[in-house]
């Protein structure tokens, strides 16, 4: 297998988001969970997205995992590697976007790296280096209250500089509007002054296409799925691949039972749970009881779901309002709180799969990662899009047999996302 584009995603839902974007833009794409075992037979594809869980781990751990994945992708023939990050630049002053980007650049021989989380389709735009979410500055959006990485600064140049060794520059919208040649001149000029990474503005898809054309001629770039869109279209325009992906093979029916597991505390997911409750049984776990009496709460949830699941889909949610999350983090610690929810939801998901669930929707990035790891799913084929950034996924090499999954980032999807997902997963 020789691939044209490699990517390293910092969480599993972000990997699905990117793989979905690449497929929509014509690239045959597979998403792996970590670096695949050599015994796993992957299909013939144009792009591979390696899913890691490195967004919120210590920077040194993230760097080690990402550079190992980069080596594997280069061995598969990838001429360009995209480090896929969250479109809300989800990180702290310690990293991990800066440290990982610098490590990947150094491994590839250096040079200026384009960085942009812009993805206008999902309301993420960058202007004069500032990130806007749905028209609001990042620090005024709901992301200011993110339970793991609250974002209190919209200036991406400033954020990236605080977590990086090298200097950070800006390629503004005026240069991007002037076209690829102007962007290249700007990037080269910044590199001569010692800038190793450059935040790039992007307001419209045409800006992403310009950035993708330039990024493709460099060994490494960093961005959200919007930059993946630009790279995919540049590959097709260059003639290196022919656009052929449809995703239809991934949604052949699998039958079996269906379930929804949620650990996301985003406003969007909380609303989606309210809507789902009108149509199917929903068990809302008490996060505090999970922390205080975890095994008993988990066993009770499995029993509750087991009594109902043969009659139709069920929802088990460990989602809570931001105020509740903040209180629990203060009382038990941020890491302990998150770990308890991830452990509980992943155990419940695995038990339901044992009981015949073959169509599984998981809401929340960390929740999705924990569930997929516990299920030991090695890879996914990318199917059609359920909502922007969320495709149907078909397991590859799964010991439990074929399954269909949807891994949803907390803020993604409309109010009826859960029912829409199940309608596409048969």
Protein backbone atom coordinates (compact mmCIF):
# COMPACT_ATOMS: atom_id res chain seq x y z
CA UNK A 1 0.00 0.00 0.00
CA UNK A 2 1.40 3.41 -1.02
CA UNK A 3 -0.55 6.44 0.17
CA UNK A 4 -0.54 10.03 -1.04
CA UNK A 5 -1.49 11.75 2.21
CA UNK A 6 -0.91 10.85 5.83
CA UNK A 7 -2.42 12.42 8.90
CA UNK A 8 -1.96 12.19 12.65
CA UNK A 9 -5.10 13.13 14.58
CA UNK A 10 -4.92 14.17 18.22
CA UNK A 11 -8.19 12.42 19.12
CA UNK A 12 -10.56 9.87 17.64
CA UNK A 13 -13.53 12.09 16.82
CA UNK A 14 -11.20 14.57 15.15
CA UNK A 15 -9.77 11.71 13.11
CA UNK A 16 -13.27 10.76 11.94
CA UNK A 17 -14.00 14.38 11.11
CA UNK A 18 -10.88 14.60 8.95
CA UNK A 19 -11.39 11.20 7.33
CA UNK A 20 -14.93 12.26 6.48
CA UNK A 21 -13.67 15.46 4.84
CA UNK A 22 -11.04 13.60 2.81
CA UNK A 23 -13.61 11.06 1.61
CA UNK A 24 -16.10 13.78 0.63
CA UNK A 25 -13.38 15.37 -1.47
CA UNK A 26 -12.54 12.20 -3.38
CA UNK A 27 -9.82 10.44 -1.38
CA UNK A 28 -10.24 6.79 -0.48
CA UNK A 29 -9.53 6.96 3.23
CA UNK A 30 -9.06 4.63 6.17
CA UNK A 31 -8.85 5.65 9.82
CA UNK A 32 -6.61 3.53 12.03
CA UNK A 33 -6.62 3.43 15.82
CA UNK A 34 -2.97 3.97 16.58
CA UNK A 35 -0.28 2.53 14.36
CA UNK A 36 -1.71 -0.67 12.85
CA UNK A 37 -0.33 -4.06 13.71
CA UNK A 38 1.62 -5.40 10.69
CA UNK A 39 -0.82 -8.32 10.51
CA UNK A 40 -3.79 -6.01 9.82
CA UNK A 41 -4.64 -5.94 6.12
CA UNK A 42 -5.66 -2.40 5.21
CA UNK A 43 -7.57 -1.70 1.99
CA UNK A 44 -5.97 0.11 -0.94
CA UNK A 45 -6.49 3.80 -0.14
CA UNK A 46 -5.21 7.28 -0.95
CA UNK A 47 -5.02 8.55 2.63
CA UNK A 48 -4.57 7.14 6.13
CA UNK A 49 -5.59 9.01 9.28
CA UNK A 50 -3.83 7.63 12.36
CA UNK A 51 -6.02 8.25 15.42
CA UNK A 52 -4.16 9.03 18.64
CA UNK A 53 -5.26 10.33 22.03
CA UNK A 54 -2.65 13.03 22.56
CA UNK A 55 -4.62 16.26 22.89
CA UNK A 56 -4.50 16.51 26.67
CA UNK A 57 -1.58 14.24 27.63
CA UNK A 58 1.85 15.59 28.70
CA UNK A 59 3.65 17.23 25.77
CA UNK A 60 6.56 14.76 25.82
CA UNK A 61 4.15 11.84 25.52
CA UNK A 62 2.30 13.52 22.65
CA UNK A 63 5.56 14.20 20.81
CA UNK A 64 6.74 10.60 21.15
CA UNK A 65 3.46 9.16 19.89
CA UNK A 66 3.17 11.61 17.00
CA UNK A 67 6.74 11.14 15.74
CA UNK A 68 6.32 7.36 15.81
CA UNK A 69 3.14 7.70 13.75
CA UNK A 70 4.93 10.06 11.35
CA UNK A 71 7.66 7.49 10.73
CA UNK A 72 5.06 4.82 9.96
CA UNK A 73 3.18 7.12 7.56
CA UNK A 74 6.39 8.00 5.70
CA UNK A 75 7.11 4.27 5.37
CA UNK A 76 3.72 3.90 3.68
CA UNK A 77 4.72 6.51 1.09
CA UNK A 78 3.16 9.69 2.50
CA UNK A 79 4.88 12.73 1.02
CA UNK A 80 2.91 15.10 3.24
CA UNK A 81 1.73 14.62 6.82
CA UNK A 82 -1.05 16.72 8.32
CA UNK A 83 -1.15 17.01 12.11
CA UNK A 84 -4.90 17.20 12.65
CA UNK A 85 -5.91 19.38 15.60
CA UNK A 86 -9.24 20.58 16.95
CA UNK A 87 -10.90 23.43 15.04
CA UNK A 88 -11.12 25.33 18.34
CA UNK A 89 -7.34 25.07 18.93
CA UNK A 90 -8.06 23.01 22.03
CA UNK A 91 -4.79 23.21 24.01
CA UNK A 92 -3.04 24.78 26.98
CA UNK A 93 0.05 26.96 27.31
CA UNK A 94 2.07 23.75 27.80
CA UNK A 95 0.95 22.33 24.44
CA UNK A 96 0.38 20.14 22.67
CA UNK A 97 -0.02 21.82 19.29
CA UNK A 98 3.30 23.68 19.31
CA UNK A 99 5.55 20.90 20.62
CA UNK A 100 4.11 18.26 18.28
CA UNK A 101 4.24 20.54 15.23
CA UNK A 102 7.88 21.42 15.91
CA UNK A 103 8.81 17.76 16.43
CA UNK A 104 7.13 16.68 13.19
CA UNK A 105 8.79 19.51 11.27
CA UNK A 106 12.21 18.60 12.64
CA UNK A 107 11.67 14.93 11.77
CA UNK A 108 10.86 15.95 8.18
CA UNK A 109 13.90 18.22 7.80
CA UNK A 110 12.54 21.56 8.97
CA UNK A 111 11.04 24.45 7.05
CA UNK A 112 8.08 26.73 7.68
CA UNK A 113 4.83 25.04 8.72
CA UNK A 114 1.38 26.39 7.86
CA UNK A 115 -1.03 26.23 10.81
CA UNK A 116 -4.77 26.93 10.66
CA UNK A 117 -7.78 25.52 12.53
CA UNK A 118 -10.18 27.25 10.11
CA UNK A 119 -13.13 25.25 8.80
CA UNK A 120 -15.85 27.65 7.58
CA UNK A 121 -18.32 24.81 7.01
CA UNK A 122 -18.48 24.33 10.78
CA UNK A 123 -18.28 28.03 11.67
CA UNK A 124 -14.55 28.18 12.44
CA UNK A 125 -12.78 31.10 10.76
CA UNK A 126 -9.47 32.87 11.33
CA UNK A 127 -8.92 36.57 10.67
CA UNK A 128 -5.72 38.47 11.54
CA UNK A 129 -4.69 35.42 13.51
CA UNK A 130 -7.80 35.44 15.70
CA UNK A 131 -10.09 32.41 15.84
CA UNK A 132 -13.85 32.88 15.62
CA UNK A 133 -16.38 30.18 16.53
CA UNK A 134 -19.77 30.77 14.97
CA UNK A 135 -18.92 34.45 14.60
CA UNK A 136 -17.80 34.82 18.22
CA UNK A 137 -14.17 35.29 19.29
CA UNK A 138 -12.90 32.00 20.74
CA UNK A 139 -12.62 33.47 24.24
CA UNK A 140 -16.26 34.64 24.14
CA UNK A 141 -17.65 31.38 22.73
CA UNK A 142 -18.86 28.39 24.79
CA UNK A 143 -15.30 27.02 24.49
CA UNK A 144 -14.22 29.44 27.21
CA UNK A 145 -15.85 26.93 29.58
CA UNK A 146 -14.39 23.76 28.04
CA UNK A 147 -14.08 21.19 30.87
CA UNK A 148 -10.54 20.11 29.94
CA UNK A 149 -8.95 23.03 28.11
CA UNK A 150 -10.89 26.27 28.65
CA UNK A 151 -9.92 28.78 25.94
CA UNK A 152 -9.46 32.35 27.17
CA UNK A 153 -7.52 33.88 24.26
CA UNK A 154 -8.59 34.17 20.61
CA UNK A 155 -5.16 35.24 19.32
CA UNK A 156 -3.67 32.06 17.85
CA UNK A 157 -0.26 33.59 17.23
CA UNK A 158 -0.04 34.40 20.92
CA UNK A 159 -1.38 30.99 22.01
CA UNK A 160 1.00 29.04 19.77
CA UNK A 161 3.99 31.18 20.77
CA UNK A 162 3.39 30.44 24.45
CA UNK A 163 3.72 26.69 23.85
CA UNK A 164 6.54 26.69 21.28
CA UNK A 165 10.32 27.09 21.23
CA UNK A 166 10.45 28.80 17.84
CA UNK A 167 8.96 32.07 16.63
CA UNK A 168 5.39 32.17 15.30
CA UNK A 169 4.27 34.40 12.43
CA UNK A 170 1.06 35.29 10.59
CA UNK A 171 0.00 34.93 6.98
CA UNK A 172 -2.91 37.30 6.77
CA UNK A 173 -5.97 37.24 4.55
CA UNK A 174 -4.54 39.81 2.14
CA UNK A 175 -1.68 37.46 1.23
CA UNK A 176 -3.98 34.47 0.95
CA UNK A 177 -6.45 36.35 -1.26
CA UNK A 178 -3.55 37.14 -3.60
CA UNK A 179 -3.12 33.43 -4.31
CA UNK A 180 -0.69 30.54 -3.75
CA UNK A 181 2.37 32.36 -5.09
CA UNK A 182 1.87 35.21 -2.62
CA UNK A 183 1.44 32.76 0.26
CA UNK A 184 4.64 30.96 -0.67
CA UNK A 185 6.56 34.23 -0.82
CA UNK A 186 5.19 35.21 2.60
CA UNK A 187 5.98 31.82 4.15
CA UNK A 188 9.53 31.85 2.76
CA UNK A 189 10.06 35.40 3.99
CA UNK A 190 8.90 34.49 7.48
CA UNK A 191 11.23 31.47 7.50
CA UNK A 192 14.24 33.67 6.78
CA UNK A 193 13.47 35.67 9.93
CA UNK A 194 13.45 32.54 12.11
CA UNK A 195 9.70 31.86 12.08
CA UNK A 196 9.09 28.11 12.20
CA UNK A 197 5.26 28.14 12.23
CA UNK A 198 2.81 30.55 10.66
CA UNK A 199 -0.85 30.94 11.59
CA UNK A 200 -2.84 31.35 8.37
CA UNK A 201 -6.08 33.28 8.06
CA UNK A 202 -9.01 31.62 6.28
CA UNK A 203 -12.58 32.85 5.91
CA UNK A 204 -13.84 30.97 2.86
CA UNK A 205 -13.25 27.54 1.31
CA UNK A 206 -11.23 29.15 -1.47
CA UNK A 207 -8.75 30.28 1.22
CA UNK A 208 -8.37 26.66 2.34
CA UNK A 209 -7.79 25.59 -1.27
CA UNK A 210 -5.00 28.14 -1.56
CA UNK A 211 -3.43 26.97 1.69
CA UNK A 212 -3.76 23.32 0.69
CA UNK A 213 -1.89 23.91 -2.56
CA UNK A 214 1.07 25.45 -0.72
CA UNK A 215 0.99 23.02 2.22
CA UNK A 216 1.09 20.03 -0.13
CA UNK A 217 4.50 21.16 -1.38
CA UNK A 218 5.88 21.09 2.18
CA UNK A 219 6.43 17.99 4.32
CA UNK A 220 4.22 18.95 7.29
CA UNK A 221 1.20 21.10 8.07
CA UNK A 222 -1.02 21.54 11.13
CA UNK A 223 -4.72 22.25 11.06
CA UNK A 224 -8.31 21.16 11.41
CA UNK A 225 -10.31 19.29 8.79
CA UNK A 226 -10.60 22.47 6.73
CA UNK A 227 -6.92 22.23 5.86
CA UNK A 228 -7.54 18.58 5.00
CA UNK A 229 -10.15 19.80 2.51
CA UNK A 230 -7.56 22.06 0.91
CA UNK A 231 -4.97 19.28 0.75
CA UNK A 232 -7.43 16.77 -0.75
CA UNK A 233 -8.54 19.16 -3.47
CA UNK A 234 -4.93 20.06 -4.24
CA UNK A 235 -4.07 16.37 -4.65
CA UNK A 236 -6.96 15.84 -7.05
CA UNK A 237 -6.11 19.00 -9.04
CA UNK A 238 -2.48 17.93 -9.30
CA UNK A 239 -3.49 14.68 -10.97
CA UNK A 240 -1.63 12.57 -8.41
CA UNK A 241 -4.90 10.79 -7.61
CA UNK A 242 -8.30 10.59 -9.26
CA UNK A 243 -11.29 11.45 -7.09
CA UNK A 244 -13.10 8.14 -6.60
CA UNK A 245 -14.26 7.81 -2.99
CA UNK A 246 -17.96 7.49 -2.25
CA UNK A 247 -18.12 5.83 1.17
CA UNK A 248 -21.08 3.67 0.14
CA UNK A 249 -19.23 0.38 0.74
CA UNK A 250 -18.95 1.29 4.41
CA UNK A 251 -22.70 1.27 5.12
CA UNK A 252 -23.69 -2.22 4.09
CA UNK A 253 -26.20 -3.33 6.76
CA UNK A 254 -24.84 -5.14 9.80
CA UNK A 255 -28.06 -5.70 11.76
CA UNK A 256 -27.89 -6.21 15.51
CA UNK A 257 -28.91 -3.93 18.36
CA UNK A 258 -28.16 -0.22 18.64
CA UNK A 259 -27.11 2.08 21.48
CA UNK A 260 -25.92 5.60 22.19
CA UNK A 261 -23.26 6.43 24.79
CA UNK A 262 -22.52 10.03 25.76
CA UNK A 263 -19.86 11.59 27.95
CA UNK A 264 -19.85 14.99 26.31
CA UNK A 265 -20.90 17.99 28.38
CA UNK A 266 -21.18 20.41 25.47
CA UNK A 267 -24.29 22.54 25.06
CA UNK A 268 -25.00 20.87 21.69
CA UNK A 269 -24.87 17.34 23.13
CA UNK A 270 -27.03 18.27 26.12
CA UNK A 271 -29.68 19.56 23.72
CA UNK A 272 -29.38 16.41 21.57
CA UNK A 273 -30.01 14.29 24.66
CA UNK A 274 -33.15 16.30 25.48
CA UNK A 275 -34.47 15.66 21.97
CA UNK A 276 -33.57 11.95 22.06
CA UNK A 277 -35.40 11.53 25.36
CA UNK A 278 -38.70 12.16 23.57
CA UNK A 279 -38.12 9.13 21.33
CA UNK A 280 -36.16 6.51 23.24
CA UNK A 281 -35.18 5.52 26.80
CA UNK A 282 -32.41 7.73 28.20
CA UNK A 283 -30.50 6.96 31.41
CA UNK A 284 -28.72 10.01 32.80
CA UNK A 285 -25.89 8.88 35.04
CA UNK A 286 -24.95 11.00 38.03
CA UNK A 287 -21.26 11.92 37.52
CA UNK A 288 -20.78 12.40 41.24
CA UNK A 289 -22.07 8.89 41.98
CA UNK A 290 -19.73 7.54 39.31
CA UNK A 291 -16.86 9.08 41.23
CA UNK A 292 -18.10 7.94 44.63
CA UNK A 293 -19.48 4.48 43.78
CA UNK A 294 -18.28 3.69 40.28
CA UNK A 295 -18.66 -0.11 39.97
CA UNK A 296 -22.18 -0.13 41.42
CA UNK A 297 -23.34 2.71 39.15
CA UNK A 298 -21.83 1.02 36.11
CA UNK A 299 -23.48 -2.32 36.93
CA UNK A 300 -26.84 -0.61 37.44
CA UNK A 301 -26.54 1.17 34.08
CA UNK A 302 -25.71 -2.06 32.27
CA UNK A 303 -28.68 -3.77 33.90
CA UNK A 304 -30.98 -0.89 32.96
CA UNK A 305 -29.85 -0.94 29.34
CA UNK A 306 -29.96 -4.73 29.15
CA UNK A 307 -33.61 -4.75 30.20
CA UNK A 308 -34.60 -2.36 27.40
CA UNK A 309 -32.24 -2.73 24.46
CA UNK A 310 -34.01 -5.60 22.73
CA UNK A 311 -37.02 -3.31 22.22
CA UNK A 312 -35.03 -0.56 20.49
CA UNK A 313 -32.10 1.83 20.90
CA UNK A 314 -31.19 3.12 24.35
CA UNK A 315 -29.10 6.06 25.51
CA UNK A 316 -26.73 6.04 28.49
CA UNK A 317 -25.33 9.50 29.23
CA UNK A 318 -22.76 10.69 31.76
CA UNK A 319 -23.18 14.25 30.51
CA UNK A 320 -23.59 17.20 32.86
CA UNK A 321 -23.94 20.96 32.71
CA UNK A 322 -20.71 23.04 32.87
CA UNK A 323 -21.42 24.17 36.43
CA UNK A 324 -21.69 20.60 37.67
CA UNK A 325 -18.52 19.63 35.84
CA UNK A 326 -16.61 22.54 37.37
CA UNK A 327 -17.78 21.62 40.86
CA UNK A 328 -16.75 17.98 40.47
CA UNK A 329 -13.36 18.97 39.06
CA UNK A 330 -12.77 21.23 42.05
CA UNK A 331 -13.76 18.48 44.47
CA UNK A 332 -12.14 15.43 42.86
CA UNK A 333 -9.61 16.90 40.43
CA UNK A 334 -9.90 17.37 36.67
CA UNK A 335 -8.01 14.21 35.74
CA UNK A 336 -9.85 11.96 38.19
CA UNK A 337 -13.24 13.30 37.11
CA UNK A 338 -12.54 12.77 33.42
CA UNK A 339 -11.05 9.33 33.98
CA UNK A 340 -14.07 8.16 35.95
CA UNK A 341 -16.50 9.14 33.20
CA UNK A 342 -14.34 7.70 30.42
CA UNK A 343 -13.93 4.41 32.30
CA UNK A 344 -17.62 4.10 33.07
CA UNK A 345 -18.85 4.88 29.57
CA UNK A 346 -16.28 2.61 27.91
CA UNK A 347 -17.19 -0.34 30.17
CA UNK A 348 -20.88 0.20 29.47
CA UNK A 349 -20.24 0.38 25.71
CA UNK A 350 -18.18 -2.83 25.76
CA UNK A 351 -20.82 -4.69 27.79
CA UNK A 352 -23.56 -3.64 25.40
CA UNK A 353 -21.50 -4.84 22.45
CA UNK A 354 -21.14 -8.18 24.23
CA UNK A 355 -24.95 -8.27 24.42
CA UNK A 356 -25.35 -7.80 20.67
CA UNK A 357 -24.98 -4.08 19.92
CA UNK A 358 -23.56 -3.68 16.42
CA UNK A 359 -24.57 -0.06 15.79
CA UNK A 360 -23.02 2.30 18.30
CA UNK A 361 -23.05 6.10 18.54
CA UNK A 362 -20.60 7.74 20.95
CA UNK A 363 -20.68 11.44 21.85
CA UNK A 364 -17.58 13.21 23.13
CA UNK A 365 -13.96 13.06 22.03
CA UNK A 366 -12.47 11.51 25.16
CA UNK A 367 -15.49 9.23 25.57
CA UNK A 368 -15.12 8.00 21.98
CA UNK A 369 -11.43 7.32 22.44
CA UNK A 370 -12.00 5.34 25.62
CA UNK A 371 -14.80 3.28 24.04
CA UNK A 372 -12.86 2.44 20.89
CA UNK A 373 -9.79 1.49 22.90
CA UNK A 374 -11.76 -0.82 25.19
CA UNK A 375 -13.42 -2.44 22.17
CA UNK A 376 -9.93 -2.84 20.61
CA UNK A 377 -11.13 -1.78 17.15
CA UNK A 378 -8.03 -1.47 14.93
CA UNK A 379 -9.37 0.59 12.01
CA UNK A 380 -12.39 2.03 10.21
CA UNK A 381 -13.59 2.49 6.65
CA UNK A 382 -15.19 5.89 6.13
CA UNK A 383 -18.83 6.01 5.10
CA UNK A 384 -21.25 8.82 4.22
CA UNK A 385 -21.62 11.91 6.36
CA UNK A 386 -24.29 12.01 9.07
CA UNK A 387 -23.64 15.66 9.94
CA UNK A 388 -20.74 17.98 9.09
CA UNK A 389 -17.64 16.36 10.54
CA UNK A 390 -19.28 13.06 11.54
CA UNK A 391 -19.30 10.09 9.13
CA UNK A 392 -20.58 6.55 9.50
CA UNK A 393 -17.63 4.28 10.33
CA UNK A 394 -17.37 0.58 9.47
CA UNK A 395 -14.94 -1.49 11.48
CA UNK A 396 -11.95 -3.16 9.83
CA UNK A 397 -10.35 -6.22 11.44
CA UNK A 398 -12.73 -6.15 14.40
CA UNK A 399 -12.82 -9.31 16.55
CA UNK A 400 -16.52 -8.75 17.32
CA UNK A 401 -17.36 -8.77 13.62
CA UNK A 402 -18.64 -5.94 11.47
CA UNK A 403 -20.00 -2.93 13.34
CA UNK A 404 -21.14 0.56 12.35
CA UNK A 405 -20.15 3.45 14.62
CA UNK A 406 -20.46 7.20 14.76
CA UNK A 407 -17.94 9.09 16.89
CA UNK A 408 -19.21 12.60 17.52
CA UNK A 409 -17.25 15.54 18.85
CA UNK A 410 -19.33 17.22 21.55
CA UNK A 411 -20.23 20.37 19.64
CA UNK A 412 -21.09 18.68 16.33
CA UNK A 413 -24.48 17.82 14.90
CA UNK A 414 -27.99 19.23 14.96
CA UNK A 415 -30.67 18.63 17.58
CA UNK A 416 -31.78 15.35 15.96
CA UNK A 417 -28.26 13.98 15.51
CA UNK A 418 -28.77 10.74 17.43
CA UNK A 419 -31.86 9.67 15.51
CA UNK A 420 -30.29 10.77 12.22
CA UNK A 421 -27.21 8.66 12.96
CA UNK A 422 -29.20 5.55 13.77
CA UNK A 423 -31.29 6.02 10.62
CA UNK A 424 -28.14 5.75 8.50
CA UNK A 425 -26.74 2.78 10.44
CA UNK A 426 -28.74 -0.34 9.61
